[in-house]
Amino acid sequence: MGSSRQLSFLGLLNKGGNLIIGEALDCQRHLALLILADDAGKDAQRRAESLINKLGPILMKGYSKSQLGQALGKDEVSLVGISSKKAALALLGKAGKENT
């Protein structure tokens, strides 16, 4: 399960324009991290699989569509990408700090 620190950081990344959500993911040439909601539908799962095969990002799970949506100011979000390796590593590092 993901952490509240990660969700807060996702919100900051979104406000800074550092997240890729929805159809814009299909146009990406590079992704460092891809977040797939645990309750994502089959279409989102297929898109995630295609992006992983094409671009090789790290796959992260642990949130529902509503949790991701709430963090990003939307109703529900199934799939979120981060192209910046530095931002992706910072987000992944938030999980370790929650457990200490």
C-alpha atoms as a PDB file:
ATOM      1  CA  MET A   1       0.000   0.000   0.000  1.00  0.00           C
ATOM      2  CA  GLY A   2       1.248   3.452  -0.873  1.00  0.00           C
ATOM      3  CA  SER A   3       1.931   6.221   1.605  1.00  0.00           C
ATOM      4  CA  SER A   4       0.218   9.519   2.279  1.00  0.00           C
ATOM      5  CA  ARG A   5       3.593  11.236   1.733  1.00  0.00           C
ATOM      6  CA  GLN A   6       3.695   9.829  -1.778  1.00  0.00           C
ATOM      7  CA  LEU A   7       0.170  11.056  -2.508  1.00  0.00           C
ATOM      8  CA  SER A   8       1.027  14.537  -1.229  1.00  0.00           C
ATOM      9  CA  PHE A   9       4.178  14.569  -3.341  1.00  0.00           C
ATOM     10  CA  LEU A  10       2.149  13.474  -6.387  1.00  0.00           C
ATOM     11  CA  GLY A  11      -0.078  16.496  -5.827  1.00  0.00           C
ATOM     12  CA  LEU A  12       2.966  18.780  -5.779  1.00  0.00           C
ATOM     13  CA  LEU A  13       4.367  17.178  -8.932  1.00  0.00           C
ATOM     14  CA  ASN A  14       1.025  17.688 -10.634  1.00  0.00           C
ATOM     15  CA  LYS A  15       0.865  21.359  -9.675  1.00  0.00           C
ATOM     16  CA  GLY A  16       4.372  21.772 -11.059  1.00  0.00           C
ATOM     17  CA  GLY A  17       3.358  20.176 -14.356  1.00  0.00           C
ATOM     18  CA  ASN A  18       5.582  17.144 -13.875  1.00  0.00           C
ATOM     19  CA  LEU A  19       2.949  14.406 -14.241  1.00  0.00           C
ATOM     20  CA  ILE A  20       1.528  12.889 -17.387  1.00  0.00           C
ATOM     21  CA  ILE A  21      -2.099  11.810 -17.088  1.00  0.00           C
ATOM     22  CA  GLY A  22      -4.485  10.233 -19.551  1.00  0.00           C
ATOM     23  CA  GLU A  23      -4.105  10.378 -23.323  1.00  0.00           C
ATOM     24  CA  ALA A  24      -0.853  12.374 -23.076  1.00  0.00           C
ATOM     25  CA  LEU A  25       0.862   9.169 -21.899  1.00  0.00           C
ATOM     26  CA  ASP A  26       0.488   7.699 -25.386  1.00  0.00           C
ATOM     27  CA  CYS A  27       2.691  10.466 -26.864  1.00  0.00           C
ATOM     28  CA  GLN A  28       5.598  10.038 -24.452  1.00  0.00           C
ATOM     29  CA  ARG A  29       9.050   9.019 -25.610  1.00  0.00           C
ATOM     30  CA  HIS A  30      10.376   8.515 -22.082  1.00  0.00           C
ATOM     31  CA  LEU A  31       8.824   7.501 -18.760  1.00  0.00           C
ATOM     32  CA  ALA A  32      10.762   6.862 -15.568  1.00  0.00           C
ATOM     33  CA  LEU A  33       7.764   5.730 -13.495  1.00  0.00           C
ATOM     34  CA  LEU A  34       4.248   4.573 -14.245  1.00  0.00           C
ATOM     35  CA  ILE A  35       1.599   4.395 -11.512  1.00  0.00           C
ATOM     36  CA  LEU A  36      -1.309   2.036 -12.144  1.00  0.00           C
ATOM     37  CA  ALA A  37      -4.309   2.082  -9.813  1.00  0.00           C
ATOM     38  CA  ASP A  38      -5.028  -1.259  -8.160  1.00  0.00           C
ATOM     39  CA  ASP A  39      -8.642  -1.103  -9.355  1.00  0.00           C
ATOM     40  CA  ALA A  40      -7.830   0.074 -12.887  1.00  0.00           C
ATOM     41  CA  GLY A  41      -9.931  -1.356 -15.680  1.00  0.00           C
ATOM     42  CA  LYS A  42      -8.719  -3.707 -18.386  1.00  0.00           C
ATOM     43  CA  ASP A  43      -8.092  -0.858 -20.873  1.00  0.00           C
ATOM     44  CA  ALA A  44      -5.814   0.983 -18.430  1.00  0.00           C
ATOM     45  CA  GLN A  45      -4.005  -2.267 -17.624  1.00  0.00           C
ATOM     46  CA  ARG A  46      -3.425  -2.906 -21.343  1.00  0.00           C
ATOM     47  CA  ARG A  47      -2.159   0.668 -21.842  1.00  0.00           C
ATOM     48  CA  ALA A  48       0.193   0.249 -18.872  1.00  0.00           C
ATOM     49  CA  GLU A  49       1.523  -3.030 -20.260  1.00  0.00           C
ATOM     50  CA  SER A  50       2.064  -1.413 -23.653  1.00  0.00           C
ATOM     51  CA  LEU A  51       3.894   1.577 -22.132  1.00  0.00           C
ATOM     52  CA  ILE A  52       6.078  -0.713 -20.019  1.00  0.00           C
ATOM     53  CA  ASN A  53       7.020  -2.784 -23.060  1.00  0.00           C
ATOM     54  CA  LYS A  54       7.659   0.321 -25.183  1.00  0.00           C
ATOM     55  CA  LEU A  55       9.377   2.666 -22.696  1.00  0.00           C
ATOM     56  CA  GLY A  56      10.474   0.465 -19.772  1.00  0.00           C
ATOM     57  CA  PRO A  57       9.359   2.577 -16.788  1.00  0.00           C
ATOM     58  CA  ILE A  58       9.242   1.276 -13.220  1.00  0.00           C
ATOM     59  CA  LEU A  59       5.693   0.162 -12.388  1.00  0.00           C
ATOM     60  CA  MET A  60       4.226   1.304  -9.090  1.00  0.00           C
ATOM     61  CA  LYS A  61       0.958   0.174  -7.542  1.00  0.00           C
ATOM     62  CA  GLY A  62      -0.701   0.539  -4.159  1.00  0.00           C
ATOM     63  CA  TYR A  63      -3.414   3.141  -4.707  1.00  0.00           C
ATOM     64  CA  SER A  64      -7.013   3.092  -5.828  1.00  0.00           C
ATOM     65  CA  LYS A  65      -8.344   5.250  -8.669  1.00  0.00           C
ATOM     66  CA  SER A  66     -10.099   7.485  -6.137  1.00  0.00           C
ATOM     67  CA  GLN A  67      -6.927   7.948  -4.035  1.00  0.00           C
ATOM     68  CA  LEU A  68      -4.934   8.969  -7.099  1.00  0.00           C
ATOM     69  CA  GLY A  69      -7.757  11.211  -8.281  1.00  0.00           C
ATOM     70  CA  GLN A  70      -8.065  12.940  -4.936  1.00  0.00           C
ATOM     71  CA  ALA A  71      -4.318  13.637  -4.828  1.00  0.00           C
ATOM     72  CA  LEU A  72      -4.480  15.106  -8.349  1.00  0.00           C
ATOM     73  CA  GLY A  73      -7.698  17.108  -8.005  1.00  0.00           C
ATOM     74  CA  LYS A  74      -9.771  14.787 -10.195  1.00  0.00           C
ATOM     75  CA  ASP A  75     -12.545  12.261  -9.575  1.00  0.00           C
ATOM     76  CA  GLU A  76     -10.588   9.151 -10.499  1.00  0.00           C
ATOM     77  CA  VAL A  77      -7.255   8.475 -12.171  1.00  0.00           C
ATOM     78  CA  SER A  78      -6.148   5.020 -13.328  1.00  0.00           C
ATOM     79  CA  LEU A  79      -2.757   5.739 -14.853  1.00  0.00           C
ATOM     80  CA  VAL A  80      -0.117   8.400 -14.087  1.00  0.00           C
ATOM     81  CA  GLY A  81       3.342   8.792 -15.552  1.00  0.00           C
ATOM     82  CA  ILE A  82       6.475  10.647 -14.467  1.00  0.00           C
ATOM     83  CA  SER A  83       9.134  11.315 -17.087  1.00  0.00           C
ATOM     84  CA  SER A  84      11.744  12.825 -14.755  1.00  0.00           C
ATOM     85  CA  LYS A  85      14.006  10.187 -13.218  1.00  0.00           C
ATOM     86  CA  LYS A  86      14.834  12.552 -10.352  1.00  0.00           C
ATOM     87  CA  ALA A  87      11.141  13.106  -9.511  1.00  0.00           C
ATOM     88  CA  ALA A  88      10.422   9.376  -9.789  1.00  0.00           C
ATOM     89  CA  LEU A  89      13.250   8.498  -7.390  1.00  0.00           C
ATOM     90  CA  ALA A  90      12.101  11.200  -4.965  1.00  0.00           C
ATOM     91  CA  LEU A  91       8.571   9.781  -5.022  1.00  0.00           C
ATOM     92  CA  LEU A  92       9.823   6.247  -4.426  1.00  0.00           C
ATOM     93  CA  GLY A  93      11.961   7.548  -1.558  1.00  0.00           C
ATOM     94  CA  LYS A  94       8.873   8.922   0.203  1.00  0.00           C
ATOM     95  CA  ALA A  95       7.738   5.365   0.973  1.00  0.00           C
ATOM     96  CA  GLY A  96      10.878   4.592   2.962  1.00  0.00           C
ATOM     97  CA  LYS A  97      10.536   7.750   5.057  1.00  0.00           C
ATOM     98  CA  GLU A  98       6.958   6.863   5.989  1.00  0.00           C
ATOM     99  CA  ASN A  99       8.126   3.626   7.586  1.00  0.00           C
ATOM    100  CA  THR A 100      10.820   5.201   9.787  1.00  0.00           C
END
